[in-house]
Amino acid sequence: MGSRPEAVAPPEIFYDDDTARKYTSNSRNIQIQTSMTERALELLNLPKDGVPKLLLDIGCGSGLSGEVITESGHHWVGLDIAPSMLDIALDREVEGDLLLGDMGQGLGLRFGMFDGAIGISTIQWLCNADKSFHNPHLRLKAFFTSLYKCLTNGARAVFQVYPENDDQRELLSSPAMKAGFSGGIVVDYKDSPKKRKEYLFLVCGQEVPLPLPEGRTEDNDDSGSETNKTVHVLDRRRPWKIQKNNKSEKGREWIKRKKEQMRRRGDDVPPDTKYTGRKRKNHF
C-alpha cells in the first residue's frame, strides 16, 4: 500500500521537481514505462494503413510514453496534472502537444477528435479523495463521459492500472461502461506476482461488444507475434459507398438497443411502448 505513489500524496504534490527528475532519469522506470506503452499500443490495434493517428495520452508525465507513440509513427496530445512533469517534458522537447489539467474534472476536448487513448499508471489516482470535495465516483464519471465524447466512433482506449482489489476494479470499470464504452480488464501474466499487469480495455461506440483481447502468458510471450487474433477493428476509413451498403435498417430492435445504451449513460429516455419503432404511414 505505502509503496504505491497514489497512496502517498496527490500527483501534483508527489511529483515535485526532484521526484519528476529522478523518475525521468531512472533507467528502470524508462524501461517499464516503454514496455507498458508498447503493450497499450498493441491493444489499441490501430489500422496499419500508413496514416498517422492522433492519440490522447492521459497522465503523460514527462513524455516517456509519448516518445513511444512518436516512434510508432503517430501524433499525440498529452494531459497531466503535475506541472513539474510537464516542465521536464518541455525541456526534453517531446513532439506531442501538452496540456495541464485534472482529468477528474472532465477533459473538455473537441468531440470525435482522437483515434485512441492510452494511460499508463494514471487513472487509479481518481480512486482517491485527495481533497474534501473529491468524490471518486463523480470524478471517474466526468472523466469517462468526456473521454467517450472526444474519441471517434470505434476508437479504443487502453489504461494500464494497478487496482488494489476487486472493488477498485469495479470502481474503475463501472463508470466507463455507464459512459457508453464496452470492454473489460485484460490481464497479462496473471500467474506471476512480479510480471502481472492489468489493462482496462475500452471500445467506443460499438453496439455489439467486441471480445476482449487475450492476456499474455509465459507461453505466448513473443513481442513479434500478434497476441490478439479474435478482436476486429472497425475500419473508419472505408469508402463511403461501402459503409452505406453495410448499414441495416433502423428498426425496433436497433432503437431499443440505442435507448438502452442511453439509459446506461444516465440519460433520460422515454419508456418502450408498443409504438416504439413502428413505422408511420405516409402522409399526403
Protein backbone atom coordinates (compact mmCIF):
# COMPACT_ATOMS: atom_id res chain seq x y z
CA MET A 1 0.00 0.00 0.00
CA GLY A 2 2.60 2.54 1.09
CA SER A 3 4.86 1.83 -1.89
CA ARG A 4 2.30 2.99 -4.44
CA PRO A 5 2.65 6.72 -5.25
CA GLU A 6 -1.12 7.28 -5.27
CA ALA A 7 -1.21 6.14 -1.62
CA VAL A 8 1.32 8.79 -0.59
CA ALA A 9 0.08 12.13 -1.94
CA PRO A 10 -1.89 13.70 -4.81
CA PRO A 11 0.03 13.52 -8.12
CA GLU A 12 0.65 17.26 -8.42
CA ILE A 13 2.30 17.14 -4.96
CA PHE A 14 4.00 13.76 -5.16
CA TYR A 15 5.72 14.61 -8.45
CA ASP A 16 7.60 17.70 -7.39
CA ASP A 17 10.70 18.93 -9.25
CA ASP A 18 13.09 16.46 -7.61
CA THR A 19 10.83 13.42 -7.90
CA ALA A 20 9.96 14.23 -11.51
CA ARG A 21 13.65 14.47 -12.47
CA LYS A 22 14.53 11.25 -10.65
CA TYR A 23 11.64 9.38 -12.25
CA THR A 24 12.52 10.51 -15.76
CA SER A 25 16.24 9.73 -15.41
CA ASN A 26 15.77 6.28 -13.85
CA SER A 27 16.61 3.65 -16.48
CA ARG A 28 14.35 1.04 -14.86
CA ASN A 29 11.38 3.42 -14.91
CA ILE A 30 12.04 4.20 -18.55
CA GLN A 31 12.19 0.50 -19.44
CA ILE A 32 8.95 -0.31 -17.59
CA GLN A 33 7.12 2.71 -18.99
CA THR A 34 8.25 1.89 -22.51
CA SER A 35 7.20 -1.75 -22.22
CA MET A 36 3.74 -0.94 -20.88
CA THR A 37 3.19 1.76 -23.52
CA GLU A 38 4.14 -0.66 -26.29
CA ARG A 39 1.64 -3.15 -24.89
CA ALA A 40 -1.06 -0.47 -24.71
CA LEU A 41 -0.44 0.45 -28.36
CA GLU A 42 -0.63 -3.23 -29.26
CA LEU A 43 -4.04 -3.48 -27.60
CA LEU A 44 -5.19 -0.34 -29.42
CA ASN A 45 -4.56 -2.30 -32.62
CA LEU A 46 -4.50 0.80 -34.80
CA PRO A 47 -5.07 0.26 -38.53
CA LYS A 48 -1.78 -0.33 -40.35
CA ASP A 49 -2.69 1.83 -43.32
CA GLY A 50 0.28 4.17 -43.18
CA VAL A 51 -1.88 7.09 -41.98
CA PRO A 52 -0.66 8.60 -38.67
CA LYS A 53 -3.34 8.64 -35.97
CA LEU A 54 -3.91 11.22 -33.24
CA LEU A 55 -3.79 9.70 -29.75
CA LEU A 56 -4.54 11.10 -26.31
CA ASP A 57 -2.01 10.27 -23.58
CA ILE A 58 -3.72 10.59 -20.19
CA GLY A 59 -1.19 11.33 -17.46
CA CYS A 60 1.60 11.84 -19.98
CA GLY A 61 4.09 12.95 -17.31
CA SER A 62 7.49 13.85 -18.72
CA GLY A 63 6.66 12.35 -22.12
CA LEU A 64 8.19 8.86 -21.80
CA SER A 65 5.08 7.16 -23.17
CA GLY A 66 4.65 9.92 -25.75
CA GLU A 67 8.07 9.15 -27.18
CA VAL A 68 6.95 5.57 -27.80
CA ILE A 69 3.88 6.88 -29.61
CA THR A 70 6.09 9.16 -31.74
CA GLU A 71 8.42 6.28 -32.57
CA SER A 72 5.43 4.23 -33.70
CA GLY A 73 4.65 6.92 -36.28
CA HIS A 74 1.63 8.58 -34.65
CA HIS A 75 0.86 12.02 -33.21
CA TRP A 76 -0.25 12.64 -29.64
CA VAL A 77 -1.61 15.13 -27.15
CA GLY A 78 -0.63 14.68 -23.51
CA LEU A 79 -2.57 15.69 -20.40
CA ASP A 80 -1.12 15.79 -16.90
CA ILE A 81 -1.89 17.48 -13.58
CA ALA A 82 1.73 17.74 -12.37
CA PRO A 83 3.43 20.95 -13.60
CA SER A 84 6.88 19.60 -12.72
CA MET A 85 6.40 16.63 -15.03
CA LEU A 86 5.24 18.83 -17.90
CA ASP A 87 8.19 21.18 -17.37
CA ILE A 88 10.57 18.27 -17.88
CA ALA A 89 8.64 17.19 -20.97
CA LEU A 90 9.14 20.70 -22.36
CA ASP A 91 12.85 20.60 -21.51
CA ARG A 92 13.13 17.26 -23.30
CA GLU A 93 11.41 18.78 -26.35
CA VAL A 94 8.93 15.96 -26.83
CA GLU A 95 6.96 16.10 -30.06
CA GLY A 96 3.47 15.97 -28.57
CA ASP A 97 1.26 18.85 -27.51
CA LEU A 98 0.99 19.21 -23.72
CA LEU A 99 -1.99 20.20 -21.58
CA LEU A 100 -2.06 20.97 -17.85
CA GLY A 101 -5.32 19.73 -16.35
CA ASP A 102 -7.18 17.47 -13.93
CA MET A 103 -8.75 14.51 -15.73
CA GLY A 104 -11.21 14.14 -12.84
CA GLN A 105 -12.86 17.41 -13.87
CA GLY A 106 -13.51 16.20 -17.41
CA LEU A 107 -11.30 16.62 -20.44
CA GLY A 108 -13.09 19.45 -22.23
CA LEU A 109 -11.76 18.38 -25.63
CA ARG A 110 -13.42 18.58 -29.04
CA PHE A 111 -15.90 15.85 -29.97
CA GLY A 112 -14.50 12.99 -32.06
CA MET A 113 -11.01 14.43 -32.01
CA PHE A 114 -8.88 11.37 -31.17
CA ASP A 115 -8.34 7.99 -32.81
CA GLY A 116 -7.44 6.35 -29.49
CA ALA A 117 -6.27 6.97 -25.94
CA ILE A 118 -3.80 5.41 -23.54
CA GLY A 119 -2.84 5.97 -19.93
CA ILE A 120 -0.01 4.30 -18.04
CA SER A 121 -0.47 4.04 -14.26
CA THR A 122 -2.74 7.07 -14.16
CA ILE A 123 -6.48 6.61 -13.76
CA GLN A 124 -6.20 4.75 -10.43
CA TRP A 125 -5.33 8.15 -8.92
CA LEU A 126 -9.02 9.03 -9.42
CA CYS A 127 -9.97 6.35 -6.89
CA ASN A 128 -8.63 8.57 -4.09
CA ALA A 129 -10.38 11.52 -2.45
CA ASP A 130 -7.34 13.79 -2.15
CA LYS A 131 -9.45 16.84 -1.33
CA SER A 132 -12.56 17.35 0.79
CA PHE A 133 -14.73 17.96 -2.28
CA HIS A 134 -13.41 14.97 -4.24
CA ASN A 135 -15.85 12.16 -4.96
CA PRO A 136 -14.16 9.25 -6.80
CA HIS A 137 -17.41 8.09 -8.40
CA LEU A 138 -18.22 11.54 -9.78
CA ARG A 139 -14.65 12.19 -10.90
CA LEU A 140 -14.47 8.89 -12.77
CA LYS A 141 -17.86 9.58 -14.33
CA ALA A 142 -16.73 13.01 -15.51
CA PHE A 143 -13.52 11.54 -16.94
CA PHE A 144 -15.04 8.63 -18.86
CA THR A 145 -18.02 10.64 -20.12
CA SER A 146 -15.74 13.33 -21.57
CA LEU A 147 -13.33 10.70 -22.91
CA TYR A 148 -16.16 8.94 -24.74
CA LYS A 149 -17.15 12.20 -26.43
CA CYS A 150 -13.67 13.09 -27.68
CA LEU A 151 -12.99 9.68 -29.29
CA THR A 152 -14.00 8.73 -32.80
CA ASN A 153 -16.56 6.00 -33.34
CA GLY A 154 -14.90 2.60 -32.95
CA ALA A 155 -11.81 4.02 -31.24
CA ARG A 156 -10.20 2.20 -28.35
CA ALA A 157 -8.78 3.35 -25.04
CA VAL A 158 -6.28 1.29 -23.03
CA PHE A 159 -5.29 2.15 -19.47
CA GLN A 160 -2.65 0.25 -17.54
CA VAL A 161 -3.84 0.16 -13.93
CA TYR A 162 -2.81 -1.17 -10.53
CA PRO A 163 -6.15 -1.93 -8.83
CA GLU A 164 -5.85 -2.88 -5.18
CA ASN A 165 -8.79 -5.32 -5.18
CA ASP A 166 -11.96 -6.34 -7.00
CA ASP A 167 -13.88 -3.41 -5.53
CA GLN A 168 -11.42 -0.98 -7.10
CA ARG A 169 -11.59 -2.84 -10.41
CA GLU A 170 -15.34 -2.34 -10.33
CA LEU A 171 -14.91 1.30 -9.34
CA LEU A 172 -12.70 1.87 -12.40
CA SER A 173 -14.69 -0.11 -14.96
CA SER A 174 -18.30 0.60 -13.98
CA PRO A 175 -18.30 4.35 -14.84
CA ALA A 176 -16.68 3.53 -18.19
CA MET A 177 -19.48 1.13 -19.10
CA LYS A 178 -22.13 3.62 -17.98
CA ALA A 179 -20.50 6.25 -20.20
CA GLY A 180 -21.15 4.00 -23.21
CA PHE A 181 -17.92 2.03 -23.54
CA SER A 182 -17.72 -1.73 -23.87
CA GLY A 183 -14.73 -3.78 -22.76
CA GLY A 184 -13.16 -5.03 -19.55
CA ILE A 185 -9.91 -5.92 -17.80
CA VAL A 186 -7.12 -7.65 -19.75
CA VAL A 187 -4.58 -9.37 -17.50
CA ASP A 188 -1.04 -10.21 -18.62
CA TYR A 189 0.93 -12.88 -16.76
CA LYS A 190 -1.88 -13.43 -14.27
CA ASP A 191 0.03 -16.24 -12.53
CA SER A 192 3.19 -14.19 -12.00
CA PRO A 193 3.17 -11.82 -8.98
CA LYS A 194 6.06 -9.77 -10.40
CA LYS A 195 5.17 -9.60 -14.10
CA ARG A 196 1.37 -9.33 -13.71
CA LYS A 197 -0.07 -6.27 -15.45
CA GLU A 198 -3.70 -5.22 -15.84
CA TYR A 199 -5.15 -3.07 -18.62
CA LEU A 200 -8.61 -1.54 -18.77
CA PHE A 201 -9.58 -2.13 -22.41
CA LEU A 202 -12.41 0.06 -23.73
CA VAL A 203 -14.12 0.41 -27.11
CA CYS A 204 -16.15 3.48 -28.06
CA GLY A 205 -19.40 3.31 -29.99
CA GLN A 206 -19.73 -0.43 -30.63
CA GLU A 207 -23.34 -1.66 -30.49
CA VAL A 208 -22.14 -5.27 -30.36
CA PRO A 209 -19.31 -5.58 -27.77
CA LEU A 210 -16.03 -6.92 -29.12
CA PRO A 211 -14.39 -9.91 -27.42
CA LEU A 212 -11.60 -8.97 -25.04
CA PRO A 213 -8.03 -9.46 -26.26
CA GLU A 214 -6.18 -12.37 -24.75
CA GLY A 215 -3.77 -11.56 -21.95
CA ARG A 216 -0.14 -12.51 -22.35
CA THR A 217 1.18 -15.64 -20.69
CA GLU A 218 4.63 -17.14 -20.37
CA ASP A 219 3.76 -19.41 -23.31
CA ASN A 220 2.72 -16.66 -25.75
CA ASP A 221 5.25 -14.00 -24.74
CA ASP A 222 6.50 -13.16 -28.20
CA SER A 223 6.79 -9.46 -28.97
CA GLY A 224 6.97 -10.19 -32.68
CA SER A 225 3.69 -12.10 -32.88
CA GLU A 226 0.09 -10.97 -32.76
CA THR A 227 -1.33 -11.96 -29.38
CA ASN A 228 -4.88 -10.97 -30.26
CA LYS A 229 -6.39 -12.67 -33.27
CA THR A 230 -10.05 -12.52 -32.18
CA VAL A 231 -10.61 -8.77 -31.94
CA HIS A 232 -11.85 -7.00 -35.04
CA VAL A 233 -11.25 -3.30 -35.62
CA LEU A 234 -13.84 -1.05 -37.16
CA ASP A 235 -12.20 0.45 -40.23
CA ARG A 236 -13.48 4.02 -40.21
CA ARG A 237 -11.67 4.85 -43.44
CA ARG A 238 -13.63 2.57 -45.73
CA PRO A 239 -15.12 4.15 -48.86
CA TRP A 240 -18.40 5.92 -48.17
CA LYS A 241 -20.41 3.73 -50.52
CA ILE A 242 -19.29 0.54 -48.79
CA GLN A 243 -20.26 1.96 -45.43
CA LYS A 244 -23.69 2.92 -46.78
CA ASN A 245 -24.33 -0.51 -48.24
CA ASN A 246 -23.46 -2.20 -44.95
CA LYS A 247 -25.99 -0.21 -42.92
CA SER A 248 -29.01 -2.17 -41.78
CA GLU A 249 -32.50 -0.72 -41.45
CA LYS A 250 -33.03 1.06 -38.17
CA GLY A 251 -35.98 -0.95 -36.89
CA ARG A 252 -37.48 -1.65 -33.47
CA GLU A 253 -34.56 -3.72 -32.14
CA TRP A 254 -32.00 -1.09 -33.18
CA ILE A 255 -34.00 1.66 -31.47
CA LYS A 256 -34.32 -0.41 -28.28
CA ARG A 257 -30.55 -1.04 -28.23
CA LYS A 258 -29.81 2.67 -28.64
CA LYS A 259 -32.25 3.61 -25.89
CA GLU A 260 -30.71 1.05 -23.54
CA GLN A 261 -27.25 2.44 -24.30
CA MET A 262 -28.51 5.94 -23.42
CA ARG A 263 -30.04 4.66 -20.18
CA ARG A 264 -26.69 3.17 -19.15
CA ARG A 265 -25.16 6.62 -19.63
CA GLY A 266 -27.78 8.08 -17.30
CA ASP A 267 -29.73 9.98 -20.00
CA ASP A 268 -33.48 10.50 -19.74
CA VAL A 269 -35.13 8.17 -22.25
CA PRO A 270 -38.88 7.65 -22.89
CA PRO A 271 -40.10 4.18 -21.87
CA ASP A 272 -40.61 1.49 -24.50
CA THR A 273 -44.20 1.02 -25.72
CA LYS A 274 -45.96 -0.95 -28.43
CA TYR A 275 -45.41 2.04 -30.69
CA THR A 276 -41.61 2.01 -30.29
CA GLY A 277 -40.02 1.60 -33.70
CA ARG A 278 -43.38 1.45 -35.51
CA LYS A 279 -43.17 2.92 -39.00
CA ARG A 280 -45.51 5.83 -39.57
CA LYS A 281 -47.88 5.85 -42.53
CA ASN A 282 -47.08 8.13 -45.39
CA HIS A 283 -48.87 11.49 -45.40
CA PHE A 284 -50.08 13.42 -48.39
